[in-house]
Amino acid sequence: EDRDVAFGPDRFDAARSVAGEVSTLHYRMRRVDGREIWVRD
């Protein structure tokens, strides 16, 4: 459900990003033990 948040079109596009601007995202990831956690990126 969160992959579009983490890998949105602006995330890896230098031309569409503001130079030096920090992007803060929150999304869920799954640990190898199966537990789901929230991360701040």
All heavy atoms as atom14 arrays in JSON, in Angstrom:
{
  "sequence": "EDRDVAFGPDRFDAARSVAGEVSTLHYRMRRVDGREIWVRD",
  "atom14_mask": [
    [1, 1, 1, 1, 1, 1, 1, 1, 1, 0, 0, 0, 0, 0],
    [1, 1, 1, 1, 1, 1, 1, 1, 0, 0, 0, 0, 0, 0],
    [1, 1, 1, 1, 1, 1, 1, 1, 1, 1, 1, 0, 0, 0],
    [1, 1, 1, 1, 1, 1, 1, 1, 0, 0, 0, 0, 0, 0],
    [1, 1, 1, 1, 1, 1, 1, 0, 0, 0, 0, 0, 0, 0],
    [1, 1, 1, 1, 1, 0, 0, 0, 0, 0, 0, 0, 0, 0],
    [1, 1, 1, 1, 1, 1, 1, 1, 1, 1, 1, 0, 0, 0],
    [1, 1, 1, 1, 0, 0, 0, 0, 0, 0, 0, 0, 0, 0],
    [1, 1, 1, 1, 1, 1, 1, 0, 0, 0, 0, 0, 0, 0],
    [1, 1, 1, 1, 1, 1, 1, 1, 0, 0, 0, 0, 0, 0],
    [1, 1, 1, 1, 1, 1, 1, 1, 1, 1, 1, 0, 0, 0],
    [1, 1, 1, 1, 1, 1, 1, 1, 1, 1, 1, 0, 0, 0],
    [1, 1, 1, 1, 1, 1, 1, 1, 0, 0, 0, 0, 0, 0],
    [1, 1, 1, 1, 1, 0, 0, 0, 0, 0, 0, 0, 0, 0],
    [1, 1, 1, 1, 1, 0, 0, 0, 0, 0, 0, 0, 0, 0],
    [1, 1, 1, 1, 1, 1, 1, 1, 1, 1, 1, 0, 0, 0],
    [1, 1, 1, 1, 1, 1, 0, 0, 0, 0, 0, 0, 0, 0],
    [1, 1, 1, 1, 1, 1, 1, 0, 0, 0, 0, 0, 0, 0],
    [1, 1, 1, 1, 1, 0, 0, 0, 0, 0, 0, 0, 0, 0],
    [1, 1, 1, 1, 0, 0, 0, 0, 0, 0, 0, 0, 0, 0],
    [1, 1, 1, 1, 1, 1, 1, 1, 1, 0, 0, 0, 0, 0],
    [1, 1, 1, 1, 1, 1, 1, 0, 0, 0, 0, 0, 0, 0],
    [1, 1, 1, 1, 1, 1, 0, 0, 0, 0, 0, 0, 0, 0],
    [1, 1, 1, 1, 1, 1, 1, 0, 0, 0, 0, 0, 0, 0],
    [1, 1, 1, 1, 1, 1, 1, 1, 0, 0, 0, 0, 0, 0],
    [1, 1, 1, 1, 1, 1, 1, 1, 1, 1, 0, 0, 0, 0],
    [1, 1, 1, 1, 1, 1, 1, 1, 1, 1, 1, 1, 0, 0],
    [1, 1, 1, 1, 1, 1, 1, 1, 1, 1, 1, 0, 0, 0],
    [1, 1, 1, 1, 1, 1, 1, 1, 0, 0, 0, 0, 0, 0],
    [1, 1, 1, 1, 1, 1, 1, 1, 1, 1, 1, 0, 0, 0],
    [1, 1, 1, 1, 1, 1, 1, 1, 1, 1, 1, 0, 0, 0],
    [1, 1, 1, 1, 1, 1, 1, 0, 0, 0, 0, 0, 0, 0],
    [1, 1, 1, 1, 1, 1, 1, 1, 0, 0, 0, 0, 0, 0],
    [1, 1, 1, 1, 0, 0, 0, 0, 0, 0, 0, 0, 0, 0],
    [1, 1, 1, 1, 1, 1, 1, 1, 1, 1, 1, 0, 0, 0],
    [1, 1, 1, 1, 1, 1, 1, 1, 1, 0, 0, 0, 0, 0],
    [1, 1, 1, 1, 1, 1, 1, 1, 0, 0, 0, 0, 0, 0],
    [1, 1, 1, 1, 1, 1, 1, 1, 1, 1, 1, 1, 1, 1],
    [1, 1, 1, 1, 1, 1, 1, 0, 0, 0, 0, 0, 0, 0],
    [1, 1, 1, 1, 1, 1, 1, 1, 1, 1, 1, 0, 0, 0],
    [1, 1, 1, 1, 1, 1, 1, 1, 0, 0, 0, 0, 0, 0]
  ],
  "atom14_positions": [
    [[0.81, -1.21, 0.0], [0.0, 0.0, 0.0], [0.85, 1.27, 0.0], [0.36, 2.35, -0.36], [-0.93, 0.02, 1.22], [-1.97, -1.09, 1.26], [-1.44, -2.32, 1.98], [-0.2, -2.4, 2.19], [-2.24, -3.2, 2.33], [0.0, 0.0, 0.0], [0.0, 0.0, 0.0], [0.0, 0.0, 0.0], [0.0, 0.0, 0.0], [0.0, 0.0, 0.0]],
    [[2.11, 1.15, 0.41], [2.95, 2.34, 0.56], [4.03, 2.47, -0.51], [4.84, 3.4, -0.47], [3.62, 2.34, 1.94], [2.62, 2.49, 3.08], [1.48, 2.9, 2.8], [2.99, 2.21, 4.23], [0.0, 0.0, 0.0], [0.0, 0.0, 0.0], [0.0, 0.0, 0.0], [0.0, 0.0, 0.0], [0.0, 0.0, 0.0], [0.0, 0.0, 0.0]],
    [[4.07, 1.54, -1.47], [5.16, 1.58, -2.45], [5.11, 2.83, -3.32], [6.15, 3.38, -3.71], [5.14, 0.31, -3.31], [5.65, -0.9, -2.56], [5.47, -2.19, -3.3], [5.87, -3.32, -2.44], [5.57, -4.59, -2.7], [4.86, -4.9, -3.8], [5.96, -5.54, -1.87], [0.0, 0.0, 0.0], [0.0, 0.0, 0.0], [0.0, 0.0, 0.0]],
    [[3.91, 3.29, -3.62], [3.81, 4.52, -4.41], [4.29, 5.73, -3.62], [4.72, 6.72, -4.2], [2.36, 4.74, -4.85], [1.94, 3.75, -5.94], [2.83, 3.15, -6.56], [0.72, 3.57, -6.12], [0.0, 0.0, 0.0], [0.0, 0.0, 0.0], [0.0, 0.0, 0.0], [0.0, 0.0, 0.0], [0.0, 0.0, 0.0], [0.0, 0.0, 0.0]],
    [[4.22, 5.65, -2.29], [4.74, 6.74, -1.45], [6.25, 6.76, -1.5], [6.89, 7.8, -1.7], [4.24, 6.58, 0.0], [4.88, 7.63, 0.91], [2.73, 6.67, 0.07], [0.0, 0.0, 0.0], [0.0, 0.0, 0.0], [0.0, 0.0, 0.0], [0.0, 0.0, 0.0], [0.0, 0.0, 0.0], [0.0, 0.0, 0.0], [0.0, 0.0, 0.0]],
    [[6.85, 5.57, -1.33], [8.31, 5.49, -1.25], [8.98, 5.66, -2.61], [10.12, 6.14, -2.69], [8.72, 4.16, -0.63], [0.0, 0.0, 0.0], [0.0, 0.0, 0.0], [0.0, 0.0, 0.0], [0.0, 0.0, 0.0], [0.0, 0.0, 0.0], [0.0, 0.0, 0.0], [0.0, 0.0, 0.0], [0.0, 0.0, 0.0], [0.0, 0.0, 0.0]],
    [[8.3, 5.27, -3.68], [8.9, 5.32, -5.01], [8.05, 6.18, -5.95], [7.79, 5.81, -7.09], [9.06, 3.9, -5.58], [10.1, 3.08, -4.86], [9.77, 2.33, -3.75], [11.41, 3.1, -5.29], [10.73, 1.59, -3.07], [12.38, 2.36, -4.63], [12.05, 1.61, -3.51], [0.0, 0.0, 0.0], [0.0, 0.0, 0.0], [0.0, 0.0, 0.0]],
    [[7.62, 7.33, -5.45], [6.84, 8.25, -6.27], [7.67, 8.84, -7.39], [8.91, 8.75, -7.41], [0.0, 0.0, 0.0], [0.0, 0.0, 0.0], [0.0, 0.0, 0.0], [0.0, 0.0, 0.0], [0.0, 0.0, 0.0], [0.0, 0.0, 0.0], [0.0, 0.0, 0.0], [0.0, 0.0, 0.0], [0.0, 0.0, 0.0], [0.0, 0.0, 0.0]],
    [[7.03, 9.49, -8.37], [7.73, 9.99, -9.57], [8.77, 11.06, -9.26], [9.75, 11.2, -9.98], [6.59, 10.55, -10.43], [5.47, 10.81, -9.48], [5.59, 9.75, -8.43], [0.0, 0.0, 0.0], [0.0, 0.0, 0.0], [0.0, 0.0, 0.0], [0.0, 0.0, 0.0], [0.0, 0.0, 0.0], [0.0, 0.0, 0.0], [0.0, 0.0, 0.0]],
    [[8.58, 11.83, -8.17], [9.53, 12.91, -7.87], [10.72, 12.44, -7.06], [11.73, 13.14, -6.96], [8.82, 14.03, -7.08], [7.75, 14.7, -7.9], [7.77, 14.55, -9.13], [6.88, 15.37, -7.3], [0.0, 0.0, 0.0], [0.0, 0.0, 0.0], [0.0, 0.0, 0.0], [0.0, 0.0, 0.0], [0.0, 0.0, 0.0], [0.0, 0.0, 0.0]],
    [[10.61, 11.21, -6.5], [11.63, 10.77, -5.55], [13.01, 10.66, -6.19], [14.02, 11.04, -5.59], [11.2, 9.42, -4.96], [12.15, 8.88, -3.89], [11.85, 9.56, -2.56], [12.85, 9.28, -1.55], [12.92, 8.17, -0.83], [12.01, 7.24, -1.0], [13.85, 8.02, 0.08], [0.0, 0.0, 0.0], [0.0, 0.0, 0.0], [0.0, 0.0, 0.0]],
    [[13.09, 10.12, -7.41], [14.38, 9.87, -8.05], [14.59, 10.72, -9.29], [15.42, 10.4, -10.14], [14.49, 8.38, -8.42], [14.38, 7.46, -7.23], [13.17, 6.9, -6.86], [15.5, 7.17, -6.47], [13.08, 6.06, -5.77], [15.42, 6.32, -5.38], [14.2, 5.77, -5.01], [0.0, 0.0, 0.0], [0.0, 0.0, 0.0], [0.0, 0.0, 0.0]],
    [[13.82, 11.8, -9.42], [13.92, 12.65, -10.61], [14.56, 13.97, -10.22], [13.93, 14.83, -9.61], [12.52, 12.88, -11.2], [12.58, 13.56, -12.57], [13.62, 14.16, -12.88], [11.58, 13.47, -13.3], [0.0, 0.0, 0.0], [0.0, 0.0, 0.0], [0.0, 0.0, 0.0], [0.0, 0.0, 0.0], [0.0, 0.0, 0.0], [0.0, 0.0, 0.0]],
    [[15.83, 14.13, -10.57], [16.55, 15.34, -10.19], [15.94, 16.58, -10.82], [15.93, 17.66, -10.23], [18.03, 15.22, -10.59], [0.0, 0.0, 0.0], [0.0, 0.0, 0.0], [0.0, 0.0, 0.0], [0.0, 0.0, 0.0], [0.0, 0.0, 0.0], [0.0, 0.0, 0.0], [0.0, 0.0, 0.0], [0.0, 0.0, 0.0], [0.0, 0.0, 0.0]],
    [[15.42, 16.44, -12.03], [14.86, 17.59, -12.74], [13.6, 18.1, -12.06], [13.27, 19.28, -12.16], [14.57, 17.23, -14.2], [0.0, 0.0, 0.0], [0.0, 0.0, 0.0], [0.0, 0.0, 0.0], [0.0, 0.0, 0.0], [0.0, 0.0, 0.0], [0.0, 0.0, 0.0], [0.0, 0.0, 0.0], [0.0, 0.0, 0.0], [0.0, 0.0, 0.0]],
    [[12.89, 17.22, -11.35], [11.62, 17.6, -10.73], [11.78, 17.86, -9.23], [10.82, 18.11, -8.53], [10.57, 16.51, -10.95], [10.28, 16.28, -12.43], [9.41, 15.07, -12.66], [8.07, 15.23, -12.09], [7.11, 14.31, -12.21], [7.34, 13.2, -12.87], [5.92, 14.52, -11.66], [0.0, 0.0, 0.0], [0.0, 0.0, 0.0], [0.0, 0.0, 0.0]],
    [[13.0, 17.76, -8.74], [13.26, 18.0, -7.32], [13.93, 19.35, -7.14], [14.65, 19.83, -8.02], [14.16, 16.9, -6.74], [13.53, 15.64, -6.86], [0.0, 0.0, 0.0], [0.0, 0.0, 0.0], [0.0, 0.0, 0.0], [0.0, 0.0, 0.0], [0.0, 0.0, 0.0], [0.0, 0.0, 0.0], [0.0, 0.0, 0.0], [0.0, 0.0, 0.0]],
    [[13.71, 19.96, -5.99], [14.37, 21.21, -5.65], [15.73, 20.88, -5.05], [15.83, 20.09, -4.1], [13.53, 22.02, -4.65], [14.26, 23.31, -4.26], [12.17, 22.32, -5.24], [0.0, 0.0, 0.0], [0.0, 0.0, 0.0], [0.0, 0.0, 0.0], [0.0, 0.0, 0.0], [0.0, 0.0, 0.0], [0.0, 0.0, 0.0], [0.0, 0.0, 0.0]],
    [[16.77, 21.46, -5.61], [18.13, 21.15, -5.17], [18.29, 21.41, -3.68], [17.96, 22.47, -3.18], [19.13, 21.99, -5.97], [0.0, 0.0, 0.0], [0.0, 0.0, 0.0], [0.0, 0.0, 0.0], [0.0, 0.0, 0.0], [0.0, 0.0, 0.0], [0.0, 0.0, 0.0], [0.0, 0.0, 0.0], [0.0, 0.0, 0.0], [0.0, 0.0, 0.0]],
    [[18.81, 20.37, -2.98], [19.08, 20.52, -1.56], [17.86, 20.4, -0.66], [18.0, 20.45, 0.56], [0.0, 0.0, 0.0], [0.0, 0.0, 0.0], [0.0, 0.0, 0.0], [0.0, 0.0, 0.0], [0.0, 0.0, 0.0], [0.0, 0.0, 0.0], [0.0, 0.0, 0.0], [0.0, 0.0, 0.0], [0.0, 0.0, 0.0], [0.0, 0.0, 0.0]],
    [[16.7, 20.24, -1.21], [15.48, 20.15, -0.4], [15.33, 18.76, 0.18], [15.42, 17.76, -0.53], [14.25, 20.5, -1.23], [12.96, 20.51, -0.42], [11.77, 20.88, -1.27], [11.22, 19.98, -1.95], [11.41, 22.07, -1.3], [0.0, 0.0, 0.0], [0.0, 0.0, 0.0], [0.0, 0.0, 0.0], [0.0, 0.0, 0.0], [0.0, 0.0, 0.0]],
    [[15.11, 18.69, 1.48], [14.96, 17.41, 2.15], [13.52, 16.91, 1.99], [12.57, 17.65, 2.22], [15.31, 17.51, 3.65], [15.05, 16.18, 4.35], [16.76, 17.92, 3.83], [0.0, 0.0, 0.0], [0.0, 0.0, 0.0], [0.0, 0.0, 0.0], [0.0, 0.0, 0.0], [0.0, 0.0, 0.0], [0.0, 0.0, 0.0], [0.0, 0.0, 0.0]],
    [[13.41, 15.67, 1.58], [12.09, 15.04, 1.44], [11.89, 14.09, 2.62], [12.75, 13.26, 2.9], [12.02, 14.26, 0.12], [10.85, 13.46, 0.08], [0.0, 0.0, 0.0], [0.0, 0.0, 0.0], [0.0, 0.0, 0.0], [0.0, 0.0, 0.0], [0.0, 0.0, 0.0], [0.0, 0.0, 0.0], [0.0, 0.0, 0.0], [0.0, 0.0, 0.0]],
    [[10.76, 14.24, 3.3], [10.45, 13.37, 4.44], [9.24, 12.53, 4.12], [8.17, 13.06, 3.79], [10.18, 14.2, 5.71], [11.33, 14.99, 6.0], [9.89, 13.28, 6.89], [0.0, 0.0, 0.0], [0.0, 0.0, 0.0], [0.0, 0.0, 0.0], [0.0, 0.0, 0.0], [0.0, 0.0, 0.0], [0.0, 0.0, 0.0], [0.0, 0.0, 0.0]],
    [[9.4, 11.22, 4.19], [8.32, 10.28, 3.9], [8.13, 9.35, 5.08], [9.09, 9.04, 5.82], [8.64, 9.46, 2.65], [8.9, 10.22, 1.35], [9.35, 9.25, 0.26], [7.66, 10.97, 0.9], [0.0, 0.0, 0.0], [0.0, 0.0, 0.0], [0.0, 0.0, 0.0], [0.0, 0.0, 0.0], [0.0, 0.0, 0.0], [0.0, 0.0, 0.0]],
    [[6.92, 8.88, 5.27], [6.62, 7.85, 6.25], [5.97, 6.69, 5.51], [4.99, 6.89, 4.77], [5.67, 8.37, 7.34], [6.3, 9.32, 8.29], [6.43, 10.67, 8.03], [6.87, 9.12, 9.53], [7.03, 11.27, 9.04], [7.3, 10.36, 9.96], [0.0, 0.0, 0.0], [0.0, 0.0, 0.0], [0.0, 0.0, 0.0], [0.0, 0.0, 0.0]],
    [[6.5, 5.49, 5.71], [5.88, 4.31, 5.09], [6.2, 3.08, 5.93], [7.05, 3.11, 6.83], [6.32, 4.13, 3.64], [7.82, 4.17, 3.4], [8.61, 3.04, 3.56], [8.44, 5.36, 2.99], [9.97, 3.07, 3.32], [9.8, 5.4, 2.75], [10.56, 4.26, 2.91], [11.92, 4.3, 2.67], [0.0, 0.0, 0.0], [0.0, 0.0, 0.0]],
    [[5.47, 2.02, 5.62], [5.62, 0.78, 6.39], [6.55, -0.19, 5.67], [6.5, -0.32, 4.44], [4.26, 0.13, 6.6], [3.37, 0.86, 7.59], [1.91, 0.5, 7.44], [1.38, 1.02, 6.17], [0.11, 0.89, 5.79], [-0.74, 0.26, 6.57], [-0.29, 1.39, 4.64], [0.0, 0.0, 0.0], [0.0, 0.0, 0.0], [0.0, 0.0, 0.0]],
    [[7.38, -0.88, 6.46], [8.27, -1.9, 5.93], [8.1, -3.19, 6.75], [7.67, -3.15, 7.91], [9.73, -1.43, 5.99], [10.01, -0.19, 5.15], [11.78, 0.17, 4.98], [12.26, -1.07, 3.78], [0.0, 0.0, 0.0], [0.0, 0.0, 0.0], [0.0, 0.0, 0.0], [0.0, 0.0, 0.0], [0.0, 0.0, 0.0], [0.0, 0.0, 0.0]],
    [[8.47, -4.3, 6.13], [8.33, -5.6, 6.79], [9.72, -6.13, 7.14], [10.61, -6.24, 6.3], [7.61, -6.59, 5.88], [7.25, -7.91, 6.55], [6.47, -8.83, 5.62], [7.31, -9.26, 4.48], [7.21, -8.79, 3.24], [6.29, -7.85, 2.97], [7.99, -9.22, 2.27], [0.0, 0.0, 0.0], [0.0, 0.0, 0.0], [0.0, 0.0, 0.0]],
    [[9.9, -6.47, 8.41], [11.14, -7.1, 8.84], [11.18, -8.56, 8.39], [10.15, -9.14, 8.03], [11.25, -7.04, 10.37], [11.52, -5.66, 10.95], [11.49, -5.68, 12.47], [12.23, -6.82, 13.02], [13.54, -6.81, 13.26], [14.25, -5.72, 13.0], [14.14, -7.88, 13.76], [0.0, 0.0, 0.0], [0.0, 0.0, 0.0], [0.0, 0.0, 0.0]],
    [[12.35, -9.15, 8.46], [12.46, -10.55, 8.03], [11.7, -11.48, 8.96], [11.33, -12.59, 8.56], [13.95, -10.98, 7.96], [14.67, -10.24, 6.85], [14.65, -10.76, 9.29], [0.0, 0.0, 0.0], [0.0, 0.0, 0.0], [0.0, 0.0, 0.0], [0.0, 0.0, 0.0], [0.0, 0.0, 0.0], [0.0, 0.0, 0.0], [0.0, 0.0, 0.0]],
    [[11.44, -11.05, 10.21], [10.66, -11.88, 11.13], [9.16, -11.71, 10.92], [8.35, -12.25, 11.68], [11.04, -11.58, 12.58], [10.8, -10.12, 12.97], [10.17, -9.39, 12.19], [11.25, -9.72, 14.07], [0.0, 0.0, 0.0], [0.0, 0.0, 0.0], [0.0, 0.0, 0.0], [0.0, 0.0, 0.0], [0.0, 0.0, 0.0], [0.0, 0.0, 0.0]],
    [[8.77, -10.92, 9.91], [7.36, -10.74, 9.58], [6.71, -9.55, 10.24], [5.58, -9.18, 9.88], [0.0, 0.0, 0.0], [0.0, 0.0, 0.0], [0.0, 0.0, 0.0], [0.0, 0.0, 0.0], [0.0, 0.0, 0.0], [0.0, 0.0, 0.0], [0.0, 0.0, 0.0], [0.0, 0.0, 0.0], [0.0, 0.0, 0.0], [0.0, 0.0, 0.0]],
    [[7.35, -8.94, 11.22], [6.76, -7.79, 11.91], [6.8, -6.56, 11.02], [7.81, -6.29, 10.38], [7.5, -7.53, 13.22], [6.89, -6.41, 14.05], [7.46, -6.43, 15.46], [8.9, -6.2, 15.47], [9.47, -5.0, 15.59], [8.7, -3.91, 15.67], [10.78, -4.88, 15.62], [0.0, 0.0, 0.0], [0.0, 0.0, 0.0], [0.0, 0.0, 0.0]],
    [[5.69, -5.82, 10.99], [5.61, -4.6, 10.19], [5.96, -3.4, 11.06], [5.5, -3.28, 12.19], [4.2, -4.43, 9.61], [4.07, -3.29, 8.63], [2.69, -3.21, 7.98], [1.76, -2.75, 8.66], [2.56, -3.63, 6.83], [0.0, 0.0, 0.0], [0.0, 0.0, 0.0], [0.0, 0.0, 0.0], [0.0, 0.0, 0.0], [0.0, 0.0, 0.0]],
    [[6.8, -2.54, 10.52], [7.21, -1.34, 11.26], [7.0, -0.11, 10.37], [6.93, -0.21, 9.15], [8.68, -1.42, 11.7], [9.6, -1.48, 10.47], [8.93, -2.59, 12.64], [11.07, -1.34, 10.79], [0.0, 0.0, 0.0], [0.0, 0.0, 0.0], [0.0, 0.0, 0.0], [0.0, 0.0, 0.0], [0.0, 0.0, 0.0], [0.0, 0.0, 0.0]],
    [[6.91, 1.04, 11.03], [6.88, 2.31, 10.32], [8.31, 2.87, 10.29], [9.06, 2.73, 11.25], [5.99, 3.32, 11.03], [4.53, 3.19, 10.69], [3.59, 2.48, 11.38], [3.86, 3.8, 9.59], [2.36, 2.6, 10.78], [2.5, 3.42, 9.67], [4.27, 4.63, 8.55], [1.55, 3.82, 8.76], [3.31, 5.04, 7.63], [1.98, 4.65, 7.73]],
    [[8.68, 3.48, 9.17], [9.97, 4.16, 9.09], [9.75, 5.6, 8.63], [8.78, 5.9, 7.92], [10.96, 3.46, 8.12], [11.28, 2.06, 8.6], [10.43, 3.46, 6.7], [0.0, 0.0, 0.0], [0.0, 0.0, 0.0], [0.0, 0.0, 0.0], [0.0, 0.0, 0.0], [0.0, 0.0, 0.0], [0.0, 0.0, 0.0], [0.0, 0.0, 0.0]],
    [[10.63, 6.46, 9.1], [10.68, 7.83, 8.6], [11.9, 7.94, 7.69], [13.02, 7.66, 8.12], [10.78, 8.83, 9.75], [10.74, 10.28, 9.28], [10.69, 11.26, 10.44], [11.94, 11.32, 11.19], [12.11, 10.79, 12.39], [11.11, 10.15, 12.98], [13.28, 10.88, 13.01], [0.0, 0.0, 0.0], [0.0, 0.0, 0.0], [0.0, 0.0, 0.0]],
    [[11.7, 8.31, 6.45], [12.75, 8.37, 5.43], [12.98, 9.83, 5.06], [12.13, 10.46, 4.45], [12.31, 7.55, 4.21], [13.39, 7.45, 3.14], [14.39, 8.19, 3.22], [13.21, 6.63, 2.22], [0.0, 0.0, 0.0], [0.0, 0.0, 0.0], [0.0, 0.0, 0.0], [0.0, 0.0, 0.0], [0.0, 0.0, 0.0], [0.0, 0.0, 0.0]]
  ]
}
